[in-house]
Amino acid sequence: MVGLTSPAPEQTKIKRHTVSDTDGTREGGLVFPIVFILGFVAAAIAHPDALTSFWVWFALLMMSVAVAVGVQKTVARLYGHEDEDDT
């Protein structure tokens, strides 16, 4: 059984995101559907046919994403979360 030695295991090249309670993704993920639903209701109240427009849906999604990212960054800053360097 000469030559059946396995090569040394290499480090994985895939870097996974470290989940943290202080990075704000939980709060940002919660805010997204809340803002989307509130915007949906506001658009329906403003004009009943508003929800048939592509641009209204686009604006609702972009508004929800922008608010969620803002909340995520604000919570991360409040908790003092620091991203790990990828170097």
PDB file of N, CA and C in Angstrom:
ATOM      1  N   MET A   1       0.823  -1.186   0.000  1.00  0.00           N
ATOM      2  CA  MET A   1       0.000   0.000   0.000  1.00  0.00           C
ATOM      3  C   MET A   1       0.867   1.248   0.000  1.00  0.00           C
ATOM      4  N   VAL A   2       1.851   1.243  -0.840  1.00  0.00           N
ATOM      5  CA  VAL A   2       2.734   2.380  -0.961  1.00  0.00           C
ATOM      6  C   VAL A   2       2.102   3.388  -1.908  1.00  0.00           C
ATOM      7  N   GLY A   3       2.160   4.674  -1.568  1.00  0.00           N
ATOM      8  CA  GLY A   3       1.655   5.728  -2.449  1.00  0.00           C
ATOM      9  C   GLY A   3       0.186   6.053  -2.251  1.00  0.00           C
ATOM     10  N   LEU A   4      -0.441   5.560  -1.214  1.00  0.00           N
ATOM     11  CA  LEU A   4      -1.854   5.847  -0.992  1.00  0.00           C
ATOM     12  C   LEU A   4      -2.075   6.944   0.035  1.00  0.00           C
ATOM     13  N   THR A   5      -1.056   7.724   0.273  1.00  0.00           N
ATOM     14  CA  THR A   5      -1.230   8.808   1.237  1.00  0.00           C
ATOM     15  C   THR A   5      -2.023   9.932   0.595  1.00  0.00           C
ATOM     16  N   SER A   6      -2.896  10.495   1.353  1.00  0.00           N
ATOM     17  CA  SER A   6      -3.719  11.595   0.827  1.00  0.00           C
ATOM     18  C   SER A   6      -2.974  12.912   0.996  1.00  0.00           C
ATOM     19  N   PRO A   7      -3.191  13.831   0.066  1.00  0.00           N
ATOM     20  CA  PRO A   7      -2.521  15.127   0.192  1.00  0.00           C
ATOM     21  C   PRO A   7      -3.035  15.892   1.411  1.00  0.00           C
ATOM     22  N   ALA A   8      -2.229  16.822   1.863  1.00  0.00           N
ATOM     23  CA  ALA A   8      -2.612  17.620   3.037  1.00  0.00           C
ATOM     24  C   ALA A   8      -3.872  18.419   2.717  1.00  0.00           C
ATOM     25  N   PRO A   9      -4.808  18.481   3.650  1.00  0.00           N
ATOM     26  CA  PRO A   9      -6.037  19.246   3.385  1.00  0.00           C
ATOM     27  C   PRO A   9      -5.727  20.736   3.241  1.00  0.00           C
ATOM     28  N   GLU A  10      -6.296  21.333   2.211  1.00  0.00           N
ATOM     29  CA  GLU A  10      -6.081  22.761   1.976  1.00  0.00           C
ATOM     30  C   GLU A  10      -7.198  23.557   2.642  1.00  0.00           C
ATOM     31  N   GLN A  11      -6.917  24.799   2.901  1.00  0.00           N
ATOM     32  CA  GLN A  11      -7.952  25.661   3.454  1.00  0.00           C
ATOM     33  C   GLN A  11      -9.001  25.923   2.383  1.00  0.00           C
ATOM     34  N   THR A  12     -10.219  26.031   2.809  1.00  0.00           N
ATOM     35  CA  THR A  12     -11.274  26.315   1.839  1.00  0.00           C
ATOM     36  C   THR A  12     -11.122  27.731   1.313  1.00  0.00           C
ATOM     37  N   LYS A  13     -11.428  27.913   0.072  1.00  0.00           N
ATOM     38  CA  LYS A  13     -11.270  29.208  -0.561  1.00  0.00           C
ATOM     39  C   LYS A  13     -12.543  30.049  -0.463  1.00  0.00           C
ATOM     40  N   ILE A  14     -13.609  29.445   0.016  1.00  0.00           N
ATOM     41  CA  ILE A  14     -14.878  30.150   0.159  1.00  0.00           C
ATOM     42  C   ILE A  14     -14.935  30.778   1.549  1.00  0.00           C
ATOM     43  N   LYS A  15     -15.171  32.082   1.578  1.00  0.00           N
ATOM     44  CA  LYS A  15     -15.314  32.762   2.863  1.00  0.00           C
ATOM     45  C   LYS A  15     -16.795  32.993   3.107  1.00  0.00           C
ATOM     46  N   ARG A  16     -17.263  32.501   4.215  1.00  0.00           N
ATOM     47  CA  ARG A  16     -18.667  32.657   4.555  1.00  0.00           C
ATOM     48  C   ARG A  16     -18.853  33.881   5.441  1.00  0.00           C
ATOM     49  N   HIS A  17     -20.042  34.475   5.318  1.00  0.00           N
ATOM     50  CA  HIS A  17     -20.383  35.635   6.134  1.00  0.00           C
ATOM     51  C   HIS A  17     -20.525  35.206   7.586  1.00  0.00           C
ATOM     52  N   THR A  18     -19.908  35.941   8.478  1.00  0.00           N
ATOM     53  CA  THR A  18     -20.029  35.666   9.898  1.00  0.00           C
ATOM     54  C   THR A  18     -21.315  36.291  10.411  1.00  0.00           C
ATOM     55  N   VAL A  19     -22.185  35.478  10.968  1.00  0.00           N
ATOM     56  CA  VAL A  19     -23.462  35.968  11.471  1.00  0.00           C
ATOM     57  C   VAL A  19     -23.232  36.584  12.846  1.00  0.00           C
ATOM     58  N   SER A  20     -23.786  37.753  13.036  1.00  0.00           N
ATOM     59  CA  SER A  20     -23.594  38.467  14.288  1.00  0.00           C
ATOM     60  C   SER A  20     -24.913  39.107  14.702  1.00  0.00           C
ATOM     61  N   ASP A  21     -25.124  39.192  15.984  1.00  0.00           N
ATOM     62  CA  ASP A  21     -26.322  39.879  16.481  1.00  0.00           C
ATOM     63  C   ASP A  21     -26.177  41.384  16.404  1.00  0.00           C
ATOM     64  N   THR A  22     -24.977  41.861  16.166  1.00  0.00           N
ATOM     65  CA  THR A  22     -24.748  43.304  16.177  1.00  0.00           C
ATOM     66  C   THR A  22     -24.634  43.915  14.788  1.00  0.00           C
ATOM     67  N   ASP A  23     -24.765  43.120  13.714  1.00  0.00           N
ATOM     68  CA  ASP A  23     -24.558  43.684  12.384  1.00  0.00           C
ATOM     69  C   ASP A  23     -25.812  44.311  11.786  1.00  0.00           C
ATOM     70  N   GLY A  24     -26.956  44.148  12.407  1.00  0.00           N
ATOM     71  CA  GLY A  24     -28.171  44.841  11.997  1.00  0.00           C
ATOM     72  C   GLY A  24     -28.963  44.190  10.889  1.00  0.00           C
ATOM     73  N   THR A  25     -28.544  43.016  10.395  1.00  0.00           N
ATOM     74  CA  THR A  25     -29.288  42.394   9.305  1.00  0.00           C
ATOM     75  C   THR A  25     -30.660  41.904   9.754  1.00  0.00           C
ATOM     76  N   ARG A  26     -30.779  41.528  10.994  1.00  0.00           N
ATOM     77  CA  ARG A  26     -32.077  41.079  11.505  1.00  0.00           C
ATOM     78  C   ARG A  26     -33.076  42.228  11.497  1.00  0.00           C
ATOM     79  N   GLU A  27     -32.648  43.385  11.973  1.00  0.00           N
ATOM     80  CA  GLU A  27     -33.533  44.548  12.022  1.00  0.00           C
ATOM     81  C   GLU A  27     -33.856  45.061  10.621  1.00  0.00           C
ATOM     82  N   GLY A  28     -32.842  45.070   9.732  1.00  0.00           N
ATOM     83  CA  GLY A  28     -33.074  45.497   8.359  1.00  0.00           C
ATOM     84  C   GLY A  28     -34.033  44.578   7.634  1.00  0.00           C
ATOM     85  N   GLY A  29     -33.911  43.283   7.874  1.00  0.00           N
ATOM     86  CA  GLY A  29     -34.824  42.314   7.274  1.00  0.00           C
ATOM     87  C   GLY A  29     -36.237  42.444   7.798  1.00  0.00           C
ATOM     88  N   LEU A  30     -36.397  42.871   9.019  1.00  0.00           N
ATOM     89  CA  LEU A  30     -37.726  43.078   9.584  1.00  0.00           C
ATOM     90  C   LEU A  30     -38.361  44.347   9.050  1.00  0.00           C
ATOM     91  N   VAL A  31     -37.560  45.377   8.841  1.00  0.00           N
ATOM     92  CA  VAL A  31     -38.086  46.656   8.377  1.00  0.00           C
ATOM     93  C   VAL A  31     -38.544  46.573   6.919  1.00  0.00           C
ATOM     94  N   PHE A  32     -37.872  45.752   6.109  1.00  0.00           N
ATOM     95  CA  PHE A  32     -38.216  45.670   4.683  1.00  0.00           C
ATOM     96  C   PHE A  32     -39.703  45.365   4.440  1.00  0.00           C
ATOM     97  N   PRO A  33     -40.253  44.260   4.974  1.00  0.00           N
ATOM     98  CA  PRO A  33     -41.670  43.996   4.692  1.00  0.00           C
ATOM     99  C   PRO A  33     -42.613  45.005   5.342  1.00  0.00           C
ATOM    100  N   ILE A  34     -42.215  45.573   6.476  1.00  0.00           N
ATOM    101  CA  ILE A  34     -43.072  46.567   7.118  1.00  0.00           C
ATOM    102  C   ILE A  34     -43.208  47.796   6.233  1.00  0.00           C
ATOM    103  N   VAL A  35     -42.091  48.303   5.712  1.00  0.00           N
ATOM    104  CA  VAL A  35     -42.128  49.470   4.833  1.00  0.00           C
ATOM    105  C   VAL A  35     -42.866  49.132   3.541  1.00  0.00           C
ATOM    106  N   PHE A  36     -42.656  47.933   3.016  1.00  0.00           N
ATOM    107  CA  PHE A  36     -43.323  47.533   1.776  1.00  0.00           C
ATOM    108  C   PHE A  36     -44.841  47.498   1.953  1.00  0.00           C
ATOM    109  N   ILE A  37     -45.303  46.923   3.043  1.00  0.00           N
ATOM    110  CA  ILE A  37     -46.745  46.836   3.289  1.00  0.00           C
ATOM    111  C   ILE A  37     -47.341  48.226   3.519  1.00  0.00           C
ATOM    112  N   LEU A  38     -46.658  49.058   4.292  1.00  0.00           N
ATOM    113  CA  LEU A  38     -47.156  50.416   4.518  1.00  0.00           C
ATOM    114  C   LEU A  38     -47.200  51.218   3.217  1.00  0.00           C
ATOM    115  N   GLY A  39     -46.196  51.069   2.371  1.00  0.00           N
ATOM    116  CA  GLY A  39     -46.200  51.740   1.076  1.00  0.00           C
ATOM    117  C   GLY A  39     -47.287  51.215   0.172  1.00  0.00           C
ATOM    118  N   PHE A  40     -47.530  49.916   0.207  1.00  0.00           N
ATOM    119  CA  PHE A  40     -48.599  49.287  -0.560  1.00  0.00           C
ATOM    120  C   PHE A  40     -49.959  49.870  -0.163  1.00  0.00           C
ATOM    121  N   VAL A  41     -50.190  49.971   1.130  1.00  0.00           N
ATOM    122  CA  VAL A  41     -51.453  50.516   1.629  1.00  0.00           C
ATOM    123  C   VAL A  41     -51.577  51.998   1.268  1.00  0.00           C
ATOM    124  N   ALA A  42     -50.488  52.755   1.422  1.00  0.00           N
ATOM    125  CA  ALA A  42     -50.531  54.184   1.095  1.00  0.00           C
ATOM    126  C   ALA A  42     -50.800  54.404  -0.389  1.00  0.00           C
ATOM    127  N   ALA A  43     -50.206  53.589  -1.252  1.00  0.00           N
ATOM    128  CA  ALA A  43     -50.455  53.727  -2.690  1.00  0.00           C
ATOM    129  C   ALA A  43     -51.897  53.378  -3.032  1.00  0.00           C
ATOM    130  N   ALA A  44     -52.435  52.364  -2.384  1.00  0.00           N
ATOM    131  CA  ALA A  44     -53.824  51.975  -2.651  1.00  0.00           C
ATOM    132  C   ALA A  44     -54.801  53.036  -2.160  1.00  0.00           C
ATOM    133  N   ILE A  45     -54.473  53.687  -1.060  1.00  0.00           N
ATOM    134  CA  ILE A  45     -55.338  54.758  -0.551  1.00  0.00           C
ATOM    135  C   ILE A  45     -55.227  55.996  -1.434  1.00  0.00           C
ATOM    136  N   ALA A  46     -54.016  56.314  -1.897  1.00  0.00           N
ATOM    137  CA  ALA A  46     -53.807  57.510  -2.721  1.00  0.00           C
ATOM    138  C   ALA A  46     -54.580  57.415  -4.032  1.00  0.00           C
ATOM    139  N   HIS A  47     -54.514  56.263  -4.680  1.00  0.00           N
ATOM    140  CA  HIS A  47     -55.250  56.073  -5.925  1.00  0.00           C
ATOM    141  C   HIS A  47     -55.465  54.579  -6.113  1.00  0.00           C
ATOM    142  N   PRO A  48     -56.710  54.127  -6.259  1.00  0.00           N
ATOM    143  CA  PRO A  48     -56.975  52.681  -6.351  1.00  0.00           C
ATOM    144  C   PRO A  48     -56.270  51.994  -7.526  1.00  0.00           C
ATOM    145  N   ASP A  49     -56.020  52.709  -8.626  1.00  0.00           N
ATOM    146  CA  ASP A  49     -55.355  52.098  -9.778  1.00  0.00           C
ATOM    147  C   ASP A  49     -53.831  52.226  -9.727  1.00  0.00           C
ATOM    148  N   ALA A  50     -53.299  52.770  -8.670  1.00  0.00           N
ATOM    149  CA  ALA A  50     -51.857  52.989  -8.588  1.00  0.00           C
ATOM    150  C   ALA A  50     -51.076  51.681  -8.623  1.00  0.00           C
ATOM    151  N   LEU A  51     -51.634  50.615  -8.076  1.00  0.00           N
ATOM    152  CA  LEU A  51     -50.908  49.353  -7.985  1.00  0.00           C
ATOM    153  C   LEU A  51     -50.847  48.604  -9.310  1.00  0.00           C
ATOM    154  N   THR A  52     -51.438  49.148 -10.363  1.00  0.00           N
ATOM    155  CA  THR A  52     -51.319  48.532 -11.684  1.00  0.00           C
ATOM    156  C   THR A  52     -50.118  49.076 -12.446  1.00  0.00           C
ATOM    157  N   SER A  53     -49.419  50.043 -11.872  1.00  0.00           N
ATOM    158  CA  SER A  53     -48.285  50.672 -12.543  1.00  0.00           C
ATOM    159  C   SER A  53     -46.967  49.998 -12.148  1.00  0.00           C
ATOM    160  N   PHE A  54     -46.148  49.730 -13.160  1.00  0.00           N
ATOM    161  CA  PHE A  54     -44.817  49.172 -12.922  1.00  0.00           C
ATOM    162  C   PHE A  54     -43.996  50.120 -12.055  1.00  0.00           C
ATOM    163  N   TRP A  55     -44.086  51.410 -12.325  1.00  0.00           N
ATOM    164  CA  TRP A  55     -43.243  52.380 -11.629  1.00  0.00           C
ATOM    165  C   TRP A  55     -43.612  52.519 -10.161  1.00  0.00           C
ATOM    166  N   VAL A  56     -44.870  52.301  -9.832  1.00  0.00           N
ATOM    167  CA  VAL A  56     -45.268  52.319  -8.416  1.00  0.00           C
ATOM    168  C   VAL A  56     -44.643  51.123  -7.693  1.00  0.00           C
ATOM    169  N   TRP A  57     -44.685  49.944  -8.308  1.00  0.00           N
ATOM    170  CA  TRP A  57     -44.065  48.766  -7.704  1.00  0.00           C
ATOM    171  C   TRP A  57     -42.555  48.939  -7.589  1.00  0.00           C
ATOM    172  N   PHE A  58     -41.938  49.496  -8.632  1.00  0.00           N
ATOM    173  CA  PHE A  58     -40.507  49.751  -8.606  1.00  0.00           C
ATOM    174  C   PHE A  58     -40.161  50.697  -7.460  1.00  0.00           C
ATOM    175  N   ALA A  59     -40.952  51.768  -7.319  1.00  0.00           N
ATOM    176  CA  ALA A  59     -40.705  52.732  -6.237  1.00  0.00           C
ATOM    177  C   ALA A  59     -40.911  52.088  -4.860  1.00  0.00           C
ATOM    178  N   LEU A  60     -41.924  51.243  -4.726  1.00  0.00           N
ATOM    179  CA  LEU A  60     -42.162  50.555  -3.449  1.00  0.00           C
ATOM    180  C   LEU A  60     -40.976  49.666  -3.080  1.00  0.00           C
ATOM    181  N   LEU A  61     -40.486  48.906  -4.037  1.00  0.00           N
ATOM    182  CA  LEU A  61     -39.356  48.014  -3.754  1.00  0.00           C
ATOM    183  C   LEU A  61     -38.080  48.796  -3.440  1.00  0.00           C
ATOM    184  N   MET A  62     -37.814  49.828  -4.231  1.00  0.00           N
ATOM    185  CA  MET A  62     -36.598  50.610  -3.991  1.00  0.00           C
ATOM    186  C   MET A  62     -36.672  51.358  -2.656  1.00  0.00           C
ATOM    187  N   MET A  63     -37.844  51.858  -2.303  1.00  0.00           N
ATOM    188  CA  MET A  63     -38.011  52.539  -1.025  1.00  0.00           C
ATOM    189  C   MET A  63     -37.788  51.543   0.125  1.00  0.00           C
ATOM    190  N   SER A  64     -38.332  50.340  -0.012  1.00  0.00           N
ATOM    191  CA  SER A  64     -38.176  49.325   1.032  1.00  0.00           C
ATOM    192  C   SER A  64     -36.713  48.918   1.197  1.00  0.00           C
ATOM    193  N   VAL A  65     -36.013  48.747   0.084  1.00  0.00           N
ATOM    194  CA  VAL A  65     -34.596  48.378   0.145  1.00  0.00           C
ATOM    195  C   VAL A  65     -33.778  49.495   0.781  1.00  0.00           C
ATOM    196  N   ALA A  66     -34.041  50.729   0.367  1.00  0.00           N
ATOM    197  CA  ALA A  66     -33.272  51.859   0.894  1.00  0.00           C
ATOM    198  C   ALA A  66     -33.472  52.028   2.399  1.00  0.00           C
ATOM    199  N   VAL A  67     -34.693  51.906   2.857  1.00  0.00           N
ATOM    200  CA  VAL A  67     -34.958  52.048   4.298  1.00  0.00           C
ATOM    201  C   VAL A  67     -34.344  50.880   5.069  1.00  0.00           C
ATOM    202  N   ALA A  68     -34.438  49.664   4.523  1.00  0.00           N
ATOM    203  CA  ALA A  68     -33.876  48.499   5.206  1.00  0.00           C
ATOM    204  C   ALA A  68     -32.353  48.605   5.321  1.00  0.00           C
ATOM    205  N   VAL A  69     -31.691  49.043   4.266  1.00  0.00           N
ATOM    206  CA  VAL A  69     -30.232  49.208   4.319  1.00  0.00           C
ATOM    207  C   VAL A  69     -29.857  50.312   5.304  1.00  0.00           C
ATOM    208  N   GLY A  70     -30.618  51.386   5.307  1.00  0.00           N
ATOM    209  CA  GLY A  70     -30.351  52.464   6.257  1.00  0.00           C
ATOM    210  C   GLY A  70     -30.499  52.007   7.697  1.00  0.00           C
ATOM    211  N   VAL A  71     -31.545  51.236   7.971  1.00  0.00           N
ATOM    212  CA  VAL A  71     -31.746  50.718   9.328  1.00  0.00           C
ATOM    213  C   VAL A  71     -30.626  49.747   9.695  1.00  0.00           C
ATOM    214  N   GLN A  72     -30.232  48.898   8.761  1.00  0.00           N
ATOM    215  CA  GLN A  72     -29.169  47.939   9.031  1.00  0.00           C
ATOM    216  C   GLN A  72     -27.866  48.660   9.365  1.00  0.00           C
ATOM    217  N   LYS A  73     -27.517  49.664   8.594  1.00  0.00           N
ATOM    218  CA  LYS A  73     -26.274  50.402   8.855  1.00  0.00           C
ATOM    219  C   LYS A  73     -26.350  51.199  10.154  1.00  0.00           C
ATOM    220  N   THR A  74     -27.511  51.763  10.457  1.00  0.00           N
ATOM    221  CA  THR A  74     -27.683  52.517  11.699  1.00  0.00           C
ATOM    222  C   THR A  74     -27.551  51.604  12.921  1.00  0.00           C
ATOM    223  N   VAL A  75     -28.189  50.441  12.876  1.00  0.00           N
ATOM    224  CA  VAL A  75     -28.110  49.502  13.997  1.00  0.00           C
ATOM    225  C   VAL A  75     -26.678  48.997  14.165  1.00  0.00           C
ATOM    226  N   ALA A  76     -26.008  48.704  13.048  1.00  0.00           N
ATOM    227  CA  ALA A  76     -24.618  48.247  13.141  1.00  0.00           C
ATOM    228  C   ALA A  76     -23.741  49.321  13.765  1.00  0.00           C
ATOM    229  N   ARG A  77     -23.976  50.578  13.412  1.00  0.00           N
ATOM    230  CA  ARG A  77     -23.186  51.672  13.987  1.00  0.00           C
ATOM    231  C   ARG A  77     -23.500  51.835  15.474  1.00  0.00           C
ATOM    232  N   LEU A  78     -24.772  51.713  15.859  1.00  0.00           N
ATOM    233  CA  LEU A  78     -25.147  51.866  17.271  1.00  0.00           C
ATOM    234  C   LEU A  78     -24.549  50.762  18.141  1.00  0.00           C
ATOM    235  N   TYR A  79     -24.496  49.534  17.608  1.00  0.00           N
ATOM    236  CA  TYR A  79     -23.931  48.419  18.362  1.00  0.00           C
ATOM    237  C   TYR A  79     -22.407  48.377  18.302  1.00  0.00           C
ATOM    238  N   GLY A  80     -21.816  49.208  17.452  1.00  0.00           N
ATOM    239  CA  GLY A  80     -20.366  49.231  17.342  1.00  0.00           C
ATOM    240  C   GLY A  80     -19.803  48.061  16.558  1.00  0.00           C
ATOM    241  N   HIS A  81     -20.583  47.554  15.630  1.00  0.00           N
ATOM    242  CA  HIS A  81     -20.137  46.424  14.822  1.00  0.00           C
ATOM    243  C   HIS A  81     -19.085  46.874  13.822  1.00  0.00           C
ATOM    244  N   GLU A  82     -18.006  46.097  13.710  1.00  0.00           N
ATOM    245  CA  GLU A  82     -16.949  46.392  12.745  1.00  0.00           C
ATOM    246  C   GLU A  82     -16.818  45.204  11.799  1.00  0.00           C
ATOM    247  N   ASP A  83     -16.804  45.483  10.485  1.00  0.00           N
ATOM    248  CA  ASP A  83     -16.642  44.424   9.508  1.00  0.00           C
ATOM    249  C   ASP A  83     -15.232  43.878   9.565  1.00  0.00           C
ATOM    250  N   GLU A  84     -15.134  42.560   9.297  1.00  0.00           N
ATOM    251  CA  GLU A  84     -13.817  41.927   9.250  1.00  0.00           C
ATOM    252  C   GLU A  84     -13.164  42.283   7.921  1.00  0.00           C
ATOM    253  N   ASP A  85     -11.880  42.527   7.930  1.00  0.00           N
ATOM    254  CA  ASP A  85     -11.141  42.813   6.705  1.00  0.00           C
ATOM    255  C   ASP A  85     -10.980  41.530   5.909  1.00  0.00           C
ATOM    256  N   ASP A  86     -11.135  41.624   4.589  1.00  0.00           N
ATOM    257  CA  ASP A  86     -11.008  40.461   3.722  1.00  0.00           C
ATOM    258  C   ASP A  86      -9.583  40.243   3.223  1.00  0.00           C
ATOM    259  N   THR A  87      -8.634  40.922   3.831  1.00  0.00           N
ATOM    260  CA  THR A  87      -7.247  40.780   3.381  1.00  0.00           C
ATOM    261  C   THR A  87      -6.552  39.655   4.068  1.00  0.00           C
TER     262      THR A  87
END
